[in-house]
């Protein structure tokens, strides 16, 4: 990747979304952990992070998570 694309927040956000939809959660976490995003993107990216964590937890348990999980 070129340096121009690597630091572009819109492209990083798109890469995170693609990683999420392709269930490449480690890549998603890496993008989120290694870049500073503007506050306007925080809620969207936090939602992706939570959904990825819940999906991983459901797969690990072999069932949907309940209210007490």
PDB file of N, CA and C in Angstrom:
ATOM      1  N   UNK A   1       0.829  -1.193   0.000  1.00  0.00           N
ATOM      2  CA  UNK A   1       0.000   0.000   0.000  1.00  0.00           C
ATOM      3  C   UNK A   1       0.866   1.247   0.000  1.00  0.00           C
ATOM      4  N   UNK A   2       0.388   2.256  -0.636  1.00  0.00           N
ATOM      5  CA  UNK A   2       1.125   3.516  -0.618  1.00  0.00           C
ATOM      6  C   UNK A   2       0.870   4.237   0.706  1.00  0.00           C
ATOM      7  N   UNK A   3       1.782   5.122   1.065  1.00  0.00           N
ATOM      8  CA  UNK A   3       1.618   5.896   2.296  1.00  0.00           C
ATOM      9  C   UNK A   3       0.365   6.753   2.247  1.00  0.00           C
ATOM     10  N   UNK A   4      -0.001   7.209   1.065  1.00  0.00           N
ATOM     11  CA  UNK A   4      -1.196   8.037   0.908  1.00  0.00           C
ATOM     12  C   UNK A   4      -2.441   7.277   1.340  1.00  0.00           C
ATOM     13  N   UNK A   5      -2.552   6.025   0.926  1.00  0.00           N
ATOM     14  CA  UNK A   5      -3.737   5.242   1.266  1.00  0.00           C
ATOM     15  C   UNK A   5      -3.695   4.731   2.696  1.00  0.00           C
ATOM     16  N   UNK A   6      -2.528   4.419   3.194  1.00  0.00           N
ATOM     17  CA  UNK A   6      -2.397   3.812   4.508  1.00  0.00           C
ATOM     18  C   UNK A   6      -2.952   4.701   5.616  1.00  0.00           C
ATOM     19  N   UNK A   7      -2.760   6.008   5.520  1.00  0.00           N
ATOM     20  CA  UNK A   7      -3.194   6.893   6.582  1.00  0.00           C
ATOM     21  C   UNK A   7      -4.540   7.546   6.352  1.00  0.00           C
ATOM     22  N   UNK A   8      -5.203   7.242   5.253  1.00  0.00           N
ATOM     23  CA  UNK A   8      -6.481   7.876   4.941  1.00  0.00           C
ATOM     24  C   UNK A   8      -7.586   7.252   5.790  1.00  0.00           C
ATOM     25  N   UNK A   9      -8.205   8.068   6.621  1.00  0.00           N
ATOM     26  CA  UNK A   9      -9.201   7.565   7.562  1.00  0.00           C
ATOM     27  C   UNK A   9     -10.400   6.920   6.877  1.00  0.00           C
ATOM     28  N   UNK A  10     -10.859   7.473   5.774  1.00  0.00           N
ATOM     29  CA  UNK A  10     -11.995   6.884   5.063  1.00  0.00           C
ATOM     30  C   UNK A  10     -11.647   5.500   4.530  1.00  0.00           C
ATOM     31  N   UNK A  11     -10.431   5.353   4.038  1.00  0.00           N
ATOM     32  CA  UNK A  11     -10.010   4.048   3.524  1.00  0.00           C
ATOM     33  C   UNK A  11      -9.823   3.060   4.662  1.00  0.00           C
ATOM     34  N   UNK A  12      -9.253   3.508   5.776  1.00  0.00           N
ATOM     35  CA  UNK A  12      -9.100   2.623   6.934  1.00  0.00           C
ATOM     36  C   UNK A  12     -10.459   2.172   7.464  1.00  0.00           C
ATOM     37  N   UNK A  13     -11.406   3.081   7.493  1.00  0.00           N
ATOM     38  CA  UNK A  13     -12.763   2.746   7.939  1.00  0.00           C
ATOM     39  C   UNK A  13     -13.387   1.715   6.996  1.00  0.00           C
ATOM     40  N   UNK A  14     -13.188   1.893   5.700  1.00  0.00           N
ATOM     41  CA  UNK A  14     -13.699   0.935   4.715  1.00  0.00           C
ATOM     42  C   UNK A  14     -13.018  -0.415   4.866  1.00  0.00           C
ATOM     43  N   UNK A  15     -11.718  -0.423   5.092  1.00  0.00           N
ATOM     44  CA  UNK A  15     -10.987  -1.675   5.287  1.00  0.00           C
ATOM     45  C   UNK A  15     -11.489  -2.396   6.536  1.00  0.00           C
ATOM     46  N   UNK A  16     -11.772  -1.645   7.590  1.00  0.00           N
ATOM     47  CA  UNK A  16     -12.303  -2.240   8.817  1.00  0.00           C
ATOM     48  C   UNK A  16     -13.672  -2.867   8.556  1.00  0.00           C
ATOM     49  N   UNK A  17     -14.501  -2.180   7.804  1.00  0.00           N
ATOM     50  CA  UNK A  17     -15.833  -2.694   7.491  1.00  0.00           C
ATOM     51  C   UNK A  17     -15.749  -3.964   6.648  1.00  0.00           C
ATOM     52  N   UNK A  18     -14.867  -3.975   5.655  1.00  0.00           N
ATOM     53  CA  UNK A  18     -14.682  -5.165   4.825  1.00  0.00           C
ATOM     54  C   UNK A  18     -14.169  -6.323   5.681  1.00  0.00           C
ATOM     55  N   UNK A  19     -13.192  -6.065   6.534  1.00  0.00           N
ATOM     56  CA  UNK A  19     -12.664  -7.115   7.409  1.00  0.00           C
ATOM     57  C   UNK A  19     -13.772  -7.680   8.291  1.00  0.00           C
ATOM     58  N   UNK A  20     -14.627  -6.812   8.814  1.00  0.00           N
ATOM     59  CA  UNK A  20     -15.742  -7.274   9.646  1.00  0.00           C
ATOM     60  C   UNK A  20     -16.679  -8.179   8.851  1.00  0.00           C
ATOM     61  N   UNK A  21     -17.082  -7.756   7.687  1.00  0.00           N
ATOM     62  CA  UNK A  21     -18.037  -8.527   6.889  1.00  0.00           C
ATOM     63  C   UNK A  21     -17.451  -9.833   6.355  1.00  0.00           C
ATOM     64  N   UNK A  22     -16.126  -9.891   6.265  1.00  0.00           N
ATOM     65  CA  UNK A  22     -15.475 -11.116   5.830  1.00  0.00           C
ATOM     66  C   UNK A  22     -14.998 -11.959   7.012  1.00  0.00           C
ATOM     67  N   UNK A  23     -15.426 -11.581   8.213  1.00  0.00           N
ATOM     68  CA  UNK A  23     -15.096 -12.289   9.459  1.00  0.00           C
ATOM     69  C   UNK A  23     -13.589 -12.387   9.680  1.00  0.00           C
ATOM     70  N   UNK A  24     -12.862 -11.374   9.245  1.00  0.00           N
ATOM     71  CA  UNK A  24     -11.416 -11.300   9.494  1.00  0.00           C
ATOM     72  C   UNK A  24     -11.224 -10.368  10.697  1.00  0.00           C
ATOM     73  N   UNK A  25     -11.608 -10.891  11.861  1.00  0.00           N
ATOM     74  CA  UNK A  25     -11.693 -10.055  13.049  1.00  0.00           C
ATOM     75  C   UNK A  25     -10.330  -9.595  13.556  1.00  0.00           C
ATOM     76  N   UNK A  26      -9.300 -10.417  13.439  1.00  0.00           N
ATOM     77  CA  UNK A  26      -7.973  -9.977  13.882  1.00  0.00           C
ATOM     78  C   UNK A  26      -7.488  -8.779  13.055  1.00  0.00           C
ATOM     79  N   UNK A  27      -7.789  -8.801  11.772  1.00  0.00           N
ATOM     80  CA  UNK A  27      -7.437  -7.661  10.916  1.00  0.00           C
ATOM     81  C   UNK A  27      -8.221  -6.420  11.343  1.00  0.00           C
ATOM     82  N   UNK A  28      -9.503  -6.597  11.636  1.00  0.00           N
ATOM     83  CA  UNK A  28     -10.333  -5.488  12.119  1.00  0.00           C
ATOM     84  C   UNK A  28      -9.746  -4.899  13.393  1.00  0.00           C
ATOM     85  N   UNK A  29      -9.421  -5.760  14.361  1.00  0.00           N
ATOM     86  CA  UNK A  29      -8.876  -5.273  15.628  1.00  0.00           C
ATOM     87  C   UNK A  29      -7.551  -4.542  15.410  1.00  0.00           C
ATOM     88  N   UNK A  30      -6.739  -5.055  14.512  1.00  0.00           N
ATOM     89  CA  UNK A  30      -5.450  -4.425  14.220  1.00  0.00           C
ATOM     90  C   UNK A  30      -5.642  -3.020  13.653  1.00  0.00           C
ATOM     91  N   UNK A  31      -6.572  -2.876  12.729  1.00  0.00           N
ATOM     92  CA  UNK A  31      -6.856  -1.555  12.159  1.00  0.00           C
ATOM     93  C   UNK A  31      -7.315  -0.597  13.257  1.00  0.00           C
ATOM     94  N   UNK A  32      -8.226  -1.065  14.095  1.00  0.00           N
ATOM     95  CA  UNK A  32      -8.776  -0.197  15.135  1.00  0.00           C
ATOM     96  C   UNK A  32      -7.741   0.163  16.195  1.00  0.00           C
ATOM     97  N   UNK A  33      -6.872  -0.788  16.522  1.00  0.00           N
ATOM     98  CA  UNK A  33      -5.899  -0.562  17.594  1.00  0.00           C
ATOM     99  C   UNK A  33      -4.695   0.269  17.147  1.00  0.00           C
ATOM    100  N   UNK A  34      -4.413   0.281  15.874  1.00  0.00           N
ATOM    101  CA  UNK A  34      -3.176   0.899  15.406  1.00  0.00           C
ATOM    102  C   UNK A  34      -3.360   2.241  14.701  1.00  0.00           C
ATOM    103  N   UNK A  35      -4.576   2.773  14.729  1.00  0.00           N
ATOM    104  CA  UNK A  35      -4.827   4.061  14.086  1.00  0.00           C
ATOM    105  C   UNK A  35      -5.699   4.931  14.981  1.00  0.00           C
ATOM    106  N   UNK A  36      -5.457   6.208  14.923  1.00  0.00           N
ATOM    107  CA  UNK A  36      -6.288   7.170  15.647  1.00  0.00           C
ATOM    108  C   UNK A  36      -7.361   7.689  14.696  1.00  0.00           C
ATOM    109  N   UNK A  37      -8.603   7.460  15.065  1.00  0.00           N
ATOM    110  CA  UNK A  37      -9.727   7.907  14.251  1.00  0.00           C
ATOM    111  C   UNK A  37     -10.365   9.135  14.887  1.00  0.00           C
ATOM    112  N   UNK A  38     -10.958   9.952  14.057  1.00  0.00           N
ATOM    113  CA  UNK A  38     -11.614  11.150  14.567  1.00  0.00           C
ATOM    114  C   UNK A  38     -12.856  10.749  15.372  1.00  0.00           C
ATOM    115  N   UNK A  39     -13.214  11.564  16.351  1.00  0.00           N
ATOM    116  CA  UNK A  39     -14.368  11.254  17.204  1.00  0.00           C
ATOM    117  C   UNK A  39     -15.657  11.002  16.423  1.00  0.00           C
ATOM    118  N   UNK A  40     -15.808  11.597  15.267  1.00  0.00           N
ATOM    119  CA  UNK A  40     -17.029  11.391  14.488  1.00  0.00           C
ATOM    120  C   UNK A  40     -17.181   9.943  14.020  1.00  0.00           C
ATOM    121  N   UNK A  41     -16.091   9.183  13.999  1.00  0.00           N
ATOM    122  CA  UNK A  41     -16.141   7.777  13.592  1.00  0.00           C
ATOM    123  C   UNK A  41     -16.161   6.800  14.769  1.00  0.00           C
ATOM    124  N   UNK A  42     -15.997   7.292  15.973  1.00  0.00           N
ATOM    125  CA  UNK A  42     -15.864   6.401  17.125  1.00  0.00           C
ATOM    126  C   UNK A  42     -17.069   5.496  17.336  1.00  0.00           C
ATOM    127  N   UNK A  43     -18.269   6.035  17.302  1.00  0.00           N
ATOM    128  CA  UNK A  43     -19.465   5.214  17.565  1.00  0.00           C
ATOM    129  C   UNK A  43     -19.588   4.095  16.534  1.00  0.00           C
ATOM    130  N   UNK A  44     -19.395   4.406  15.273  1.00  0.00           N
ATOM    131  CA  UNK A  44     -19.480   3.397  14.210  1.00  0.00           C
ATOM    132  C   UNK A  44     -18.432   2.303  14.406  1.00  0.00           C
ATOM    133  N   UNK A  45     -17.205   2.695  14.688  1.00  0.00           N
ATOM    134  CA  UNK A  45     -16.120   1.722  14.833  1.00  0.00           C
ATOM    135  C   UNK A  45     -16.255   0.921  16.121  1.00  0.00           C
ATOM    136  N   UNK A  46     -16.740   1.552  17.189  1.00  0.00           N
ATOM    137  CA  UNK A  46     -17.002   0.814  18.430  1.00  0.00           C
ATOM    138  C   UNK A  46     -18.074  -0.237  18.210  1.00  0.00           C
ATOM    139  N   UNK A  47     -19.091   0.093  17.442  1.00  0.00           N
ATOM    140  CA  UNK A  47     -20.152  -0.857  17.129  1.00  0.00           C
ATOM    141  C   UNK A  47     -19.597  -2.060  16.360  1.00  0.00           C
ATOM    142  N   UNK A  48     -18.720  -1.809  15.394  1.00  0.00           N
ATOM    143  CA  UNK A  48     -18.075  -2.918  14.670  1.00  0.00           C
ATOM    144  C   UNK A  48     -17.294  -3.798  15.633  1.00  0.00           C
ATOM    145  N   UNK A  49     -16.543  -3.181  16.543  1.00  0.00           N
ATOM    146  CA  UNK A  49     -15.722  -3.924  17.493  1.00  0.00           C
ATOM    147  C   UNK A  49     -16.602  -4.814  18.379  1.00  0.00           C
ATOM    148  N   UNK A  50     -17.674  -4.229  18.923  1.00  0.00           N
ATOM    149  CA  UNK A  50     -18.574  -5.012  19.779  1.00  0.00           C
ATOM    150  C   UNK A  50     -19.226  -6.162  19.014  1.00  0.00           C
ATOM    151  N   UNK A  51     -19.704  -5.897  17.814  1.00  0.00           N
ATOM    152  CA  UNK A  51     -20.338  -6.950  17.027  1.00  0.00           C
ATOM    153  C   UNK A  51     -19.356  -8.068  16.710  1.00  0.00           C
ATOM    154  N   UNK A  52     -18.118  -7.714  16.409  1.00  0.00           N
ATOM    155  CA  UNK A  52     -17.101  -8.739  16.137  1.00  0.00           C
ATOM    156  C   UNK A  52     -16.831  -9.569  17.389  1.00  0.00           C
ATOM    157  N   UNK A  53     -16.690  -8.925  18.534  1.00  0.00           N
ATOM    158  CA  UNK A  53     -16.437  -9.650  19.789  1.00  0.00           C
ATOM    159  C   UNK A  53     -17.598 -10.583  20.135  1.00  0.00           C
ATOM    160  N   UNK A  54     -18.832 -10.100  19.985  1.00  0.00           N
ATOM    161  CA  UNK A  54     -19.995 -10.934  20.269  1.00  0.00           C
ATOM    162  C   UNK A  54     -20.066 -12.118  19.314  1.00  0.00           C
ATOM    163  N   UNK A  55     -19.787 -11.887  18.047  1.00  0.00           N
ATOM    164  CA  UNK A  55     -19.817 -12.970  17.063  1.00  0.00           C
ATOM    165  C   UNK A  55     -18.771 -14.015  17.401  1.00  0.00           C
ATOM    166  N   UNK A  56     -17.570 -13.581  17.779  1.00  0.00           N
ATOM    167  CA  UNK A  56     -16.526 -14.531  18.177  1.00  0.00           C
ATOM    168  C   UNK A  56     -16.935 -15.315  19.417  1.00  0.00           C
ATOM    169  N   UNK A  57     -17.538 -14.648  20.375  1.00  0.00           N
ATOM    170  CA  UNK A  57     -17.972 -15.319  21.602  1.00  0.00           C
ATOM    171  C   UNK A  57     -19.074 -16.337  21.299  1.00  0.00           C
ATOM    172  N   UNK A  58     -19.995 -16.001  20.417  1.00  0.00           N
ATOM    173  CA  UNK A  58     -21.053 -16.944  20.037  1.00  0.00           C
ATOM    174  C   UNK A  58     -20.467 -18.175  19.359  1.00  0.00           C
ATOM    175  N   UNK A  59     -19.508 -17.974  18.486  1.00  0.00           N
ATOM    176  CA  UNK A  59     -18.869 -19.109  17.813  1.00  0.00           C
ATOM    177  C   UNK A  59     -18.129 -19.982  18.808  1.00  0.00           C
ATOM    178  N   UNK A  60     -17.444 -19.369  19.770  1.00  0.00           N
ATOM    179  CA  UNK A  60     -16.696 -20.121  20.775  1.00  0.00           C
ATOM    180  C   UNK A  60     -17.628 -20.946  21.654  1.00  0.00           C
ATOM    181  N   UNK A  61     -18.803 -20.401  21.961  1.00  0.00           N
ATOM    182  CA  UNK A  61     -19.765 -21.111  22.812  1.00  0.00           C
ATOM    183  C   UNK A  61     -20.659 -22.058  22.014  1.00  0.00           C
ATOM    184  N   UNK A  62     -20.717 -21.846  20.714  1.00  0.00           N
ATOM    185  CA  UNK A  62     -21.557 -22.689  19.868  1.00  0.00           C
ATOM    186  C   UNK A  62     -23.037 -22.384  19.985  1.00  0.00           C
ATOM    187  N   UNK A  63     -23.362 -21.185  20.453  1.00  0.00           N
ATOM    188  CA  UNK A  63     -24.766 -20.790  20.609  1.00  0.00           C
ATOM    189  C   UNK A  63     -24.852 -19.278  20.697  1.00  0.00           C
ATOM    190  N   UNK A  64     -26.052 -18.732  20.454  1.00  0.00           N
ATOM    191  CA  UNK A  64     -26.213 -17.280  20.609  1.00  0.00           C
ATOM    192  C   UNK A  64     -26.004 -16.864  22.065  1.00  0.00           C
ATOM    193  N   UNK A  65     -25.479 -15.684  22.270  1.00  0.00           N
ATOM    194  CA  UNK A  65     -25.303 -15.186  23.631  1.00  0.00           C
ATOM    195  C   UNK A  65     -26.641 -14.758  24.205  1.00  0.00           C
ATOM    196  N   UNK A  66     -26.803 -15.005  25.487  1.00  0.00           N
ATOM    197  CA  UNK A  66     -28.010 -14.582  26.174  1.00  0.00           C
ATOM    198  C   UNK A  66     -27.743 -13.348  27.012  1.00  0.00           C
ATOM    199  N   UNK A  67     -28.734 -12.938  27.763  1.00  0.00           N
ATOM    200  CA  UNK A  67     -28.643 -11.709  28.558  1.00  0.00           C
ATOM    201  C   UNK A  67     -27.574 -11.798  29.647  1.00  0.00           C
ATOM    202  N   UNK A  68     -27.275 -12.994  30.128  1.00  0.00           N
ATOM    203  CA  UNK A  68     -26.320 -13.129  31.234  1.00  0.00           C
ATOM    204  C   UNK A  68     -24.930 -13.566  30.786  1.00  0.00           C
ATOM    205  N   UNK A  69     -24.709 -13.717  29.495  1.00  0.00           N
ATOM    206  CA  UNK A  69     -23.395 -14.174  29.015  1.00  0.00           C
ATOM    207  C   UNK A  69     -22.365 -13.103  29.043  1.00  0.00           C
TER     208      UNK A  69
END
